[in-house]
Amino acid sequence: NGGTLLGGTGPTYMKASNVQGIIA
């Protein structure tokens, strides 16, 4: 992805909402 990470820059947990976001 051109070196661009998904997820968070601080403490970000693998919650359902975050997983739905990366899948979307």
mmCIF file of all heavy atoms, coordinates in Angstrom:
data_MODEL
# 
_entry.id   MODEL 
# 
loop_
_atom_site.group_PDB 
_atom_site.id 
_atom_site.type_symbol 
_atom_site.label_atom_id 
_atom_site.label_alt_id 
_atom_site.label_comp_id 
_atom_site.label_asym_id 
_atom_site.label_entity_id 
_atom_site.label_seq_id 
_atom_site.pdbx_PDB_ins_code 
_atom_site.Cartn_x 
_atom_site.Cartn_y 
_atom_site.Cartn_z 
_atom_site.occupancy 
_atom_site.B_iso_or_equiv 
_atom_site.pdbx_formal_charge 
_atom_site.auth_seq_id 
_atom_site.auth_comp_id 
_atom_site.auth_asym_id 
_atom_site.auth_atom_id 
_atom_site.pdbx_PDB_model_num 
ATOM 1   N N   . ASN A 1 1  ? 0.823   -1.217 0.000  1.00 0.00 ? 1  ASN A N   1 
ATOM 2   C CA  . ASN A 1 1  ? 0.000   0.000  0.000  1.00 0.00 ? 1  ASN A CA  1 
ATOM 3   C C   . ASN A 1 1  ? 0.855   1.264  0.000  1.00 0.00 ? 1  ASN A C   1 
ATOM 4   O O   . ASN A 1 1  ? 0.520   2.274  0.618  1.00 0.00 ? 1  ASN A O   1 
ATOM 5   C CB  . ASN A 1 1  ? -0.936  0.002  1.224  1.00 0.00 ? 1  ASN A CB  1 
ATOM 6   C CG  . ASN A 1 1  ? -2.077  0.977  1.109  1.00 0.00 ? 1  ASN A CG  1 
ATOM 7   O OD1 . ASN A 1 1  ? -2.623  1.195  0.034  1.00 0.00 ? 1  ASN A OD1 1 
ATOM 8   N ND2 . ASN A 1 1  ? -2.436  1.587  2.231  1.00 0.00 ? 1  ASN A ND2 1 
ATOM 9   N N   . GLY A 1 2  ? 1.974   1.197  -0.708 1.00 0.00 ? 2  GLY A N   1 
ATOM 10  C CA  . GLY A 1 2  ? 2.870   2.338  -0.769 1.00 0.00 ? 2  GLY A CA  1 
ATOM 11  C C   . GLY A 1 2  ? 3.492   2.689  0.565  1.00 0.00 ? 2  GLY A C   1 
ATOM 12  O O   . GLY A 1 2  ? 3.968   3.807  0.771  1.00 0.00 ? 2  GLY A O   1 
ATOM 13  N N   . GLY A 1 3  ? 3.512   1.730  1.479  1.00 0.00 ? 3  GLY A N   1 
ATOM 14  C CA  . GLY A 1 3  ? 4.086   1.963  2.806  1.00 0.00 ? 3  GLY A CA  1 
ATOM 15  C C   . GLY A 1 3  ? 3.120   2.601  3.786  1.00 0.00 ? 3  GLY A C   1 
ATOM 16  O O   . GLY A 1 3  ? 3.513   2.901  4.922  1.00 0.00 ? 3  GLY A O   1 
ATOM 17  N N   . THR A 1 4  ? 1.872   2.812  3.389  1.00 0.00 ? 4  THR A N   1 
ATOM 18  C CA  . THR A 1 4  ? 0.877   3.415  4.278  1.00 0.00 ? 4  THR A CA  1 
ATOM 19  C C   . THR A 1 4  ? 0.168   2.328  5.069  1.00 0.00 ? 4  THR A C   1 
ATOM 20  O O   . THR A 1 4  ? -0.492  1.451  4.493  1.00 0.00 ? 4  THR A O   1 
ATOM 21  C CB  . THR A 1 4  ? -0.164  4.214  3.477  1.00 0.00 ? 4  THR A CB  1 
ATOM 22  O OG1 . THR A 1 4  ? 0.503   5.245  2.742  1.00 0.00 ? 4  THR A OG1 1 
ATOM 23  C CG2 . THR A 1 4  ? -1.184  4.847  4.413  1.00 0.00 ? 4  THR A CG2 1 
ATOM 24  N N   . LEU A 1 5  ? 0.307   2.386  6.388  1.00 0.00 ? 5  LEU A N   1 
ATOM 25  C CA  . LEU A 1 5  ? -0.296  1.385  7.253  1.00 0.00 ? 5  LEU A CA  1 
ATOM 26  C C   . LEU A 1 5  ? -1.738  1.735  7.578  1.00 0.00 ? 5  LEU A C   1 
ATOM 27  O O   . LEU A 1 5  ? -2.092  2.904  7.720  1.00 0.00 ? 5  LEU A O   1 
ATOM 28  C CB  . LEU A 1 5  ? 0.489   1.252  8.564  1.00 0.00 ? 5  LEU A CB  1 
ATOM 29  C CG  . LEU A 1 5  ? 1.949   0.801  8.484  1.00 0.00 ? 5  LEU A CG  1 
ATOM 30  C CD1 . LEU A 1 5  ? 2.601   0.875  9.863  1.00 0.00 ? 5  LEU A CD1 1 
ATOM 31  C CD2 . LEU A 1 5  ? 2.047   -0.608 7.933  1.00 0.00 ? 5  LEU A CD2 1 
ATOM 32  N N   . LEU A 1 6  ? -2.579  0.717  7.701  1.00 0.00 ? 6  LEU A N   1 
ATOM 33  C CA  . LEU A 1 6  ? -3.912  0.892  8.245  1.00 0.00 ? 6  LEU A CA  1 
ATOM 34  C C   . LEU A 1 6  ? -3.837  0.644  9.757  1.00 0.00 ? 6  LEU A C   1 
ATOM 35  O O   . LEU A 1 6  ? -2.829  0.181  10.268 1.00 0.00 ? 6  LEU A O   1 
ATOM 36  C CB  . LEU A 1 6  ? -4.888  -0.081 7.590  1.00 0.00 ? 6  LEU A CB  1 
ATOM 37  C CG  . LEU A 1 6  ? -4.955  -0.056 6.060  1.00 0.00 ? 6  LEU A CG  1 
ATOM 38  C CD1 . LEU A 1 6  ? -5.988  -1.055 5.563  1.00 0.00 ? 6  LEU A CD1 1 
ATOM 39  C CD2 . LEU A 1 6  ? -5.274  1.346  5.557  1.00 0.00 ? 6  LEU A CD2 1 
ATOM 40  N N   . GLY A 1 7  ? -4.937  0.927  10.462 1.00 0.00 ? 7  GLY A N   1 
ATOM 41  C CA  . GLY A 1 7  ? -4.887  0.820  11.910 1.00 0.00 ? 7  GLY A CA  1 
ATOM 42  C C   . GLY A 1 7  ? -4.572  2.177  12.515 1.00 0.00 ? 7  GLY A C   1 
ATOM 43  O O   . GLY A 1 7  ? -4.791  3.218  11.885 1.00 0.00 ? 7  GLY A O   1 
ATOM 44  N N   . GLY A 1 8  ? -4.022  2.186  13.719 1.00 0.00 ? 8  GLY A N   1 
ATOM 45  C CA  . GLY A 1 8  ? -3.790  3.453  14.407 1.00 0.00 ? 8  GLY A CA  1 
ATOM 46  C C   . GLY A 1 8  ? -2.334  3.770  14.627 1.00 0.00 ? 8  GLY A C   1 
ATOM 47  O O   . GLY A 1 8  ? -1.461  2.915  14.478 1.00 0.00 ? 8  GLY A O   1 
ATOM 48  N N   . THR A 1 9  ? -2.070  5.025  14.978 1.00 0.00 ? 9  THR A N   1 
ATOM 49  C CA  . THR A 1 9  ? -0.708  5.460  15.281 1.00 0.00 ? 9  THR A CA  1 
ATOM 50  C C   . THR A 1 9  ? -0.418  5.381  16.775 1.00 0.00 ? 9  THR A C   1 
ATOM 51  O O   . THR A 1 9  ? 0.726   5.399  17.193 1.00 0.00 ? 9  THR A O   1 
ATOM 52  C CB  . THR A 1 9  ? -0.468  6.894  14.796 1.00 0.00 ? 9  THR A CB  1 
ATOM 53  O OG1 . THR A 1 9  ? -1.461  7.761  15.390 1.00 0.00 ? 9  THR A OG1 1 
ATOM 54  C CG2 . THR A 1 9  ? -0.591  6.963  13.292 1.00 0.00 ? 9  THR A CG2 1 
ATOM 55  N N   . GLY A 1 10 ? -1.475  5.301  17.580 1.00 0.00 ? 10 GLY A N   1 
ATOM 56  C CA  . GLY A 1 10 ? -1.317  5.142  19.023 1.00 0.00 ? 10 GLY A CA  1 
ATOM 57  C C   . GLY A 1 10 ? -1.848  3.795  19.430 1.00 0.00 ? 10 GLY A C   1 
ATOM 58  O O   . GLY A 1 10 ? -2.001  2.902  18.605 1.00 0.00 ? 10 GLY A O   1 
ATOM 59  N N   . PRO A 1 11 ? -2.157  3.597  20.700 1.00 0.00 ? 11 PRO A N   1 
ATOM 60  C CA  . PRO A 1 11 ? -2.748  2.320  21.120 1.00 0.00 ? 11 PRO A CA  1 
ATOM 61  C C   . PRO A 1 11 ? -4.106  2.100  20.446 1.00 0.00 ? 11 PRO A C   1 
ATOM 62  O O   . PRO A 1 11 ? -5.098  2.721  20.814 1.00 0.00 ? 11 PRO A O   1 
ATOM 63  C CB  . PRO A 1 11 ? -2.891  2.486  22.640 1.00 0.00 ? 11 PRO A CB  1 
ATOM 64  C CG  . PRO A 1 11 ? -1.947  3.578  23.008 1.00 0.00 ? 11 PRO A CG  1 
ATOM 65  C CD  . PRO A 1 11 ? -1.918  4.499  21.835 1.00 0.00 ? 11 PRO A CD  1 
ATOM 66  N N   . THR A 1 12 ? -4.130  1.272  19.420 1.00 0.00 ? 12 THR A N   1 
ATOM 67  C CA  . THR A 1 12 ? -5.362  0.966  18.692 1.00 0.00 ? 12 THR A CA  1 
ATOM 68  C C   . THR A 1 12 ? -5.587  -0.538 18.756 1.00 0.00 ? 12 THR A C   1 
ATOM 69  O O   . THR A 1 12 ? -4.690  -1.314 18.417 1.00 0.00 ? 12 THR A O   1 
ATOM 70  C CB  . THR A 1 12 ? -5.259  1.401  17.224 1.00 0.00 ? 12 THR A CB  1 
ATOM 71  O OG1 . THR A 1 12 ? -4.980  2.810  17.169 1.00 0.00 ? 12 THR A OG1 1 
ATOM 72  C CG2 . THR A 1 12 ? -6.546  1.119  16.482 1.00 0.00 ? 12 THR A CG2 1 
ATOM 73  N N   . TYR A 1 13 ? -6.767  -0.928 19.201 1.00 0.00 ? 13 TYR A N   1 
ATOM 74  C CA  . TYR A 1 13 ? -7.029  -2.341 19.408 1.00 0.00 ? 13 TYR A CA  1 
ATOM 75  C C   . TYR A 1 13 ? -7.786  -2.940 18.224 1.00 0.00 ? 13 TYR A C   1 
ATOM 76  O O   . TYR A 1 13 ? -8.469  -2.239 17.470 1.00 0.00 ? 13 TYR A O   1 
ATOM 77  C CB  . TYR A 1 13 ? -7.811  -2.556 20.700 1.00 0.00 ? 13 TYR A CB  1 
ATOM 78  C CG  . TYR A 1 13 ? -7.042  -2.114 21.918 1.00 0.00 ? 13 TYR A CG  1 
ATOM 79  C CD1 . TYR A 1 13 ? -7.282  -0.878 22.502 1.00 0.00 ? 13 TYR A CD1 1 
ATOM 80  C CD2 . TYR A 1 13 ? -6.044  -2.927 22.460 1.00 0.00 ? 13 TYR A CD2 1 
ATOM 81  C CE1 . TYR A 1 13 ? -6.557  -0.456 23.606 1.00 0.00 ? 13 TYR A CE1 1 
ATOM 82  C CE2 . TYR A 1 13 ? -5.323  -2.512 23.562 1.00 0.00 ? 13 TYR A CE2 1 
ATOM 83  C CZ  . TYR A 1 13 ? -5.579  -1.276 24.136 1.00 0.00 ? 13 TYR A CZ  1 
ATOM 84  O OH  . TYR A 1 13 ? -4.855  -0.861 25.217 1.00 0.00 ? 13 TYR A OH  1 
ATOM 85  N N   . MET A 1 14 ? -7.665  -4.238 18.089 1.00 0.00 ? 14 MET A N   1 
ATOM 86  C CA  . MET A 1 14 ? -8.314  -4.951 16.997 1.00 0.00 ? 14 MET A CA  1 
ATOM 87  C C   . MET A 1 14 ? -9.775  -5.190 17.369 1.00 0.00 ? 14 MET A C   1 
ATOM 88  O O   . MET A 1 14 ? -10.199 -6.314 17.618 1.00 0.00 ? 14 MET A O   1 
ATOM 89  C CB  . MET A 1 14 ? -7.584  -6.270 16.727 1.00 0.00 ? 14 MET A CB  1 
ATOM 90  C CG  . MET A 1 14 ? -7.945  -6.925 15.408 1.00 0.00 ? 14 MET A CG  1 
ATOM 91  S SD  . MET A 1 14 ? -6.854  -8.322 15.049 1.00 0.00 ? 14 MET A SD  1 
ATOM 92  C CE  . MET A 1 14 ? -7.545  -8.867 13.489 1.00 0.00 ? 14 MET A CE  1 
ATOM 93  N N   . LYS A 1 15 ? -10.530 -4.118 17.400 1.00 0.00 ? 15 LYS A N   1 
ATOM 94  C CA  . LYS A 1 15 ? -11.953 -4.183 17.705 1.00 0.00 ? 15 LYS A CA  1 
ATOM 95  C C   . LYS A 1 15 ? -12.728 -4.499 16.429 1.00 0.00 ? 15 LYS A C   1 
ATOM 96  O O   . LYS A 1 15 ? -12.230 -4.326 15.323 1.00 0.00 ? 15 LYS A O   1 
ATOM 97  C CB  . LYS A 1 15 ? -12.426 -2.852 18.303 1.00 0.00 ? 15 LYS A CB  1 
ATOM 98  C CG  . LYS A 1 15 ? -11.735 -2.466 19.599 1.00 0.00 ? 15 LYS A CG  1 
ATOM 99  C CD  . LYS A 1 15 ? -12.348 -1.204 20.195 1.00 0.00 ? 15 LYS A CD  1 
ATOM 100 C CE  . LYS A 1 15 ? -12.169 -0.003 19.280 1.00 0.00 ? 15 LYS A CE  1 
ATOM 101 N NZ  . LYS A 1 15 ? -12.669 1.252  19.910 1.00 0.00 ? 15 LYS A NZ  1 
ATOM 102 N N   . ALA A 1 16 ? -13.976 -4.930 16.624 1.00 0.00 ? 16 ALA A N   1 
ATOM 103 C CA  . ALA A 1 16 ? -14.813 -5.260 15.477 1.00 0.00 ? 16 ALA A CA  1 
ATOM 104 C C   . ALA A 1 16 ? -14.968 -4.071 14.540 1.00 0.00 ? 16 ALA A C   1 
ATOM 105 O O   . ALA A 1 16 ? -14.907 -4.210 13.320 1.00 0.00 ? 16 ALA A O   1 
ATOM 106 C CB  . ALA A 1 16 ? -16.181 -5.748 15.952 1.00 0.00 ? 16 ALA A CB  1 
ATOM 107 N N   . SER A 1 17 ? -15.146 -2.886 15.111 1.00 0.00 ? 17 SER A N   1 
ATOM 108 C CA  . SER A 1 17 ? -15.337 -1.700 14.272 1.00 0.00 ? 17 SER A CA  1 
ATOM 109 C C   . SER A 1 17 ? -14.088 -1.390 13.452 1.00 0.00 ? 17 SER A C   1 
ATOM 110 O O   . SER A 1 17 ? -14.183 -0.993 12.275 1.00 0.00 ? 17 SER A O   1 
ATOM 111 C CB  . SER A 1 17 ? -15.703 -0.493 15.139 1.00 0.00 ? 17 SER A CB  1 
ATOM 112 O OG  . SER A 1 17 ? -14.696 -0.250 16.113 1.00 0.00 ? 17 SER A OG  1 
ATOM 113 N N   . ASN A 1 18 ? -12.908 -1.588 14.056 1.00 0.00 ? 18 ASN A N   1 
ATOM 114 C CA  . ASN A 1 18 ? -11.669 -1.333 13.328 1.00 0.00 ? 18 ASN A CA  1 
ATOM 115 C C   . ASN A 1 18 ? -11.445 -2.372 12.231 1.00 0.00 ? 18 ASN A C   1 
ATOM 116 O O   . ASN A 1 18 ? -10.965 -2.050 11.138 1.00 0.00 ? 18 ASN A O   1 
ATOM 117 C CB  . ASN A 1 18 ? -10.484 -1.331 14.292 1.00 0.00 ? 18 ASN A CB  1 
ATOM 118 C CG  . ASN A 1 18 ? -10.504 -0.144 15.230 1.00 0.00 ? 18 ASN A CG  1 
ATOM 119 O OD1 . ASN A 1 18 ? -11.035 0.914  14.896 1.00 0.00 ? 18 ASN A OD1 1 
ATOM 120 N ND2 . ASN A 1 18 ? -9.944  -0.297 16.417 1.00 0.00 ? 18 ASN A ND2 1 
ATOM 121 N N   . VAL A 1 19 ? -11.769 -3.612 12.540 1.00 0.00 ? 19 VAL A N   1 
ATOM 122 C CA  . VAL A 1 19 ? -11.618 -4.668 11.536 1.00 0.00 ? 19 VAL A CA  1 
ATOM 123 C C   . VAL A 1 19 ? -12.577 -4.437 10.377 1.00 0.00 ? 19 VAL A C   1 
ATOM 124 O O   . VAL A 1 19 ? -12.213 -4.588 9.200  1.00 0.00 ? 19 VAL A O   1 
ATOM 125 C CB  . VAL A 1 19 ? -11.842 -6.057 12.170 1.00 0.00 ? 19 VAL A CB  1 
ATOM 126 C CG1 . VAL A 1 19 ? -11.827 -7.142 11.099 1.00 0.00 ? 19 VAL A CG1 1 
ATOM 127 C CG2 . VAL A 1 19 ? -10.764 -6.340 13.212 1.00 0.00 ? 19 VAL A CG2 1 
ATOM 128 N N   . GLN A 1 20 ? -13.812 -4.046 10.685 1.00 0.00 ? 20 GLN A N   1 
ATOM 129 C CA  . GLN A 1 20 ? -14.760 -3.719 9.623  1.00 0.00 ? 20 GLN A CA  1 
ATOM 130 C C   . GLN A 1 20 ? -14.227 -2.583 8.758  1.00 0.00 ? 20 GLN A C   1 
ATOM 131 O O   . GLN A 1 20 ? -14.405 -2.559 7.537  1.00 0.00 ? 20 GLN A O   1 
ATOM 132 C CB  . GLN A 1 20 ? -16.120 -3.331 10.220 1.00 0.00 ? 20 GLN A CB  1 
ATOM 133 C CG  . GLN A 1 20 ? -16.863 -4.479 10.874 1.00 0.00 ? 20 GLN A CG  1 
ATOM 134 C CD  . GLN A 1 20 ? -17.535 -5.396 9.866  1.00 0.00 ? 20 GLN A CD  1 
ATOM 135 O OE1 . GLN A 1 20 ? -17.283 -5.327 8.685  1.00 0.00 ? 20 GLN A OE1 1 
ATOM 136 N NE2 . GLN A 1 20 ? -18.410 -6.267 10.357 1.00 0.00 ? 20 GLN A NE2 1 
ATOM 137 N N   . GLY A 1 21 ? -13.569 -1.621 9.407  1.00 0.00 ? 21 GLY A N   1 
ATOM 138 C CA  . GLY A 1 21 ? -13.016 -0.480 8.674  1.00 0.00 ? 21 GLY A CA  1 
ATOM 139 C C   . GLY A 1 21 ? -11.930 -0.876 7.697  1.00 0.00 ? 21 GLY A C   1 
ATOM 140 O O   . GLY A 1 21 ? -11.914 -0.410 6.551  1.00 0.00 ? 21 GLY A O   1 
ATOM 141 N N   . ILE A 1 22 ? -11.015 -1.757 8.126  1.00 0.00 ? 22 ILE A N   1 
ATOM 142 C CA  . ILE A 1 22 ? -9.922  -2.137 7.221  1.00 0.00 ? 22 ILE A CA  1 
ATOM 143 C C   . ILE A 1 22 ? -10.444 -3.054 6.108  1.00 0.00 ? 22 ILE A C   1 
ATOM 144 O O   . ILE A 1 22 ? -9.942  -3.008 4.979  1.00 0.00 ? 22 ILE A O   1 
ATOM 145 C CB  . ILE A 1 22 ? -8.743  -2.787 7.966  1.00 0.00 ? 22 ILE A CB  1 
ATOM 146 C CG1 . ILE A 1 22 ? -9.138  -4.128 8.597  1.00 0.00 ? 22 ILE A CG1 1 
ATOM 147 C CG2 . ILE A 1 22 ? -8.168  -1.855 9.012  1.00 0.00 ? 22 ILE A CG2 1 
ATOM 148 C CD1 . ILE A 1 22 ? -7.959  -4.896 9.168  1.00 0.00 ? 22 ILE A CD1 1 
ATOM 149 N N   . ILE A 1 23 ? -11.454 -3.871 6.415  1.00 0.00 ? 23 ILE A N   1 
ATOM 150 C CA  . ILE A 1 23 ? -12.052 -4.695 5.368  1.00 0.00 ? 23 ILE A CA  1 
ATOM 151 C C   . ILE A 1 23 ? -12.753 -3.815 4.329  1.00 0.00 ? 23 ILE A C   1 
ATOM 152 O O   . ILE A 1 23 ? -12.630 -4.027 3.114  1.00 0.00 ? 23 ILE A O   1 
ATOM 153 C CB  . ILE A 1 23 ? -13.041 -5.713 5.966  1.00 0.00 ? 23 ILE A CB  1 
ATOM 154 C CG1 . ILE A 1 23 ? -12.288 -6.760 6.793  1.00 0.00 ? 23 ILE A CG1 1 
ATOM 155 C CG2 . ILE A 1 23 ? -13.853 -6.392 4.867  1.00 0.00 ? 23 ILE A CG2 1 
ATOM 156 C CD1 . ILE A 1 23 ? -13.183 -7.722 7.533  1.00 0.00 ? 23 ILE A CD1 1 
ATOM 157 N N   . ALA A 1 24 ? -13.483 -2.806 4.816  1.00 0.00 ? 24 ALA A N   1 
ATOM 158 C CA  . ALA A 1 24 ? -14.154 -1.881 3.897  1.00 0.00 ? 24 ALA A CA  1 
ATOM 159 C C   . ALA A 1 24 ? -13.138 -1.163 3.022  1.00 0.00 ? 24 ALA A C   1 
ATOM 160 O O   . ALA A 1 24 ? -13.351 -0.983 1.811  1.00 0.00 ? 24 ALA A O   1 
ATOM 161 C CB  . ALA A 1 24 ? -14.979 -0.872 4.687  1.00 0.00 ? 24 ALA A CB  1 
# 
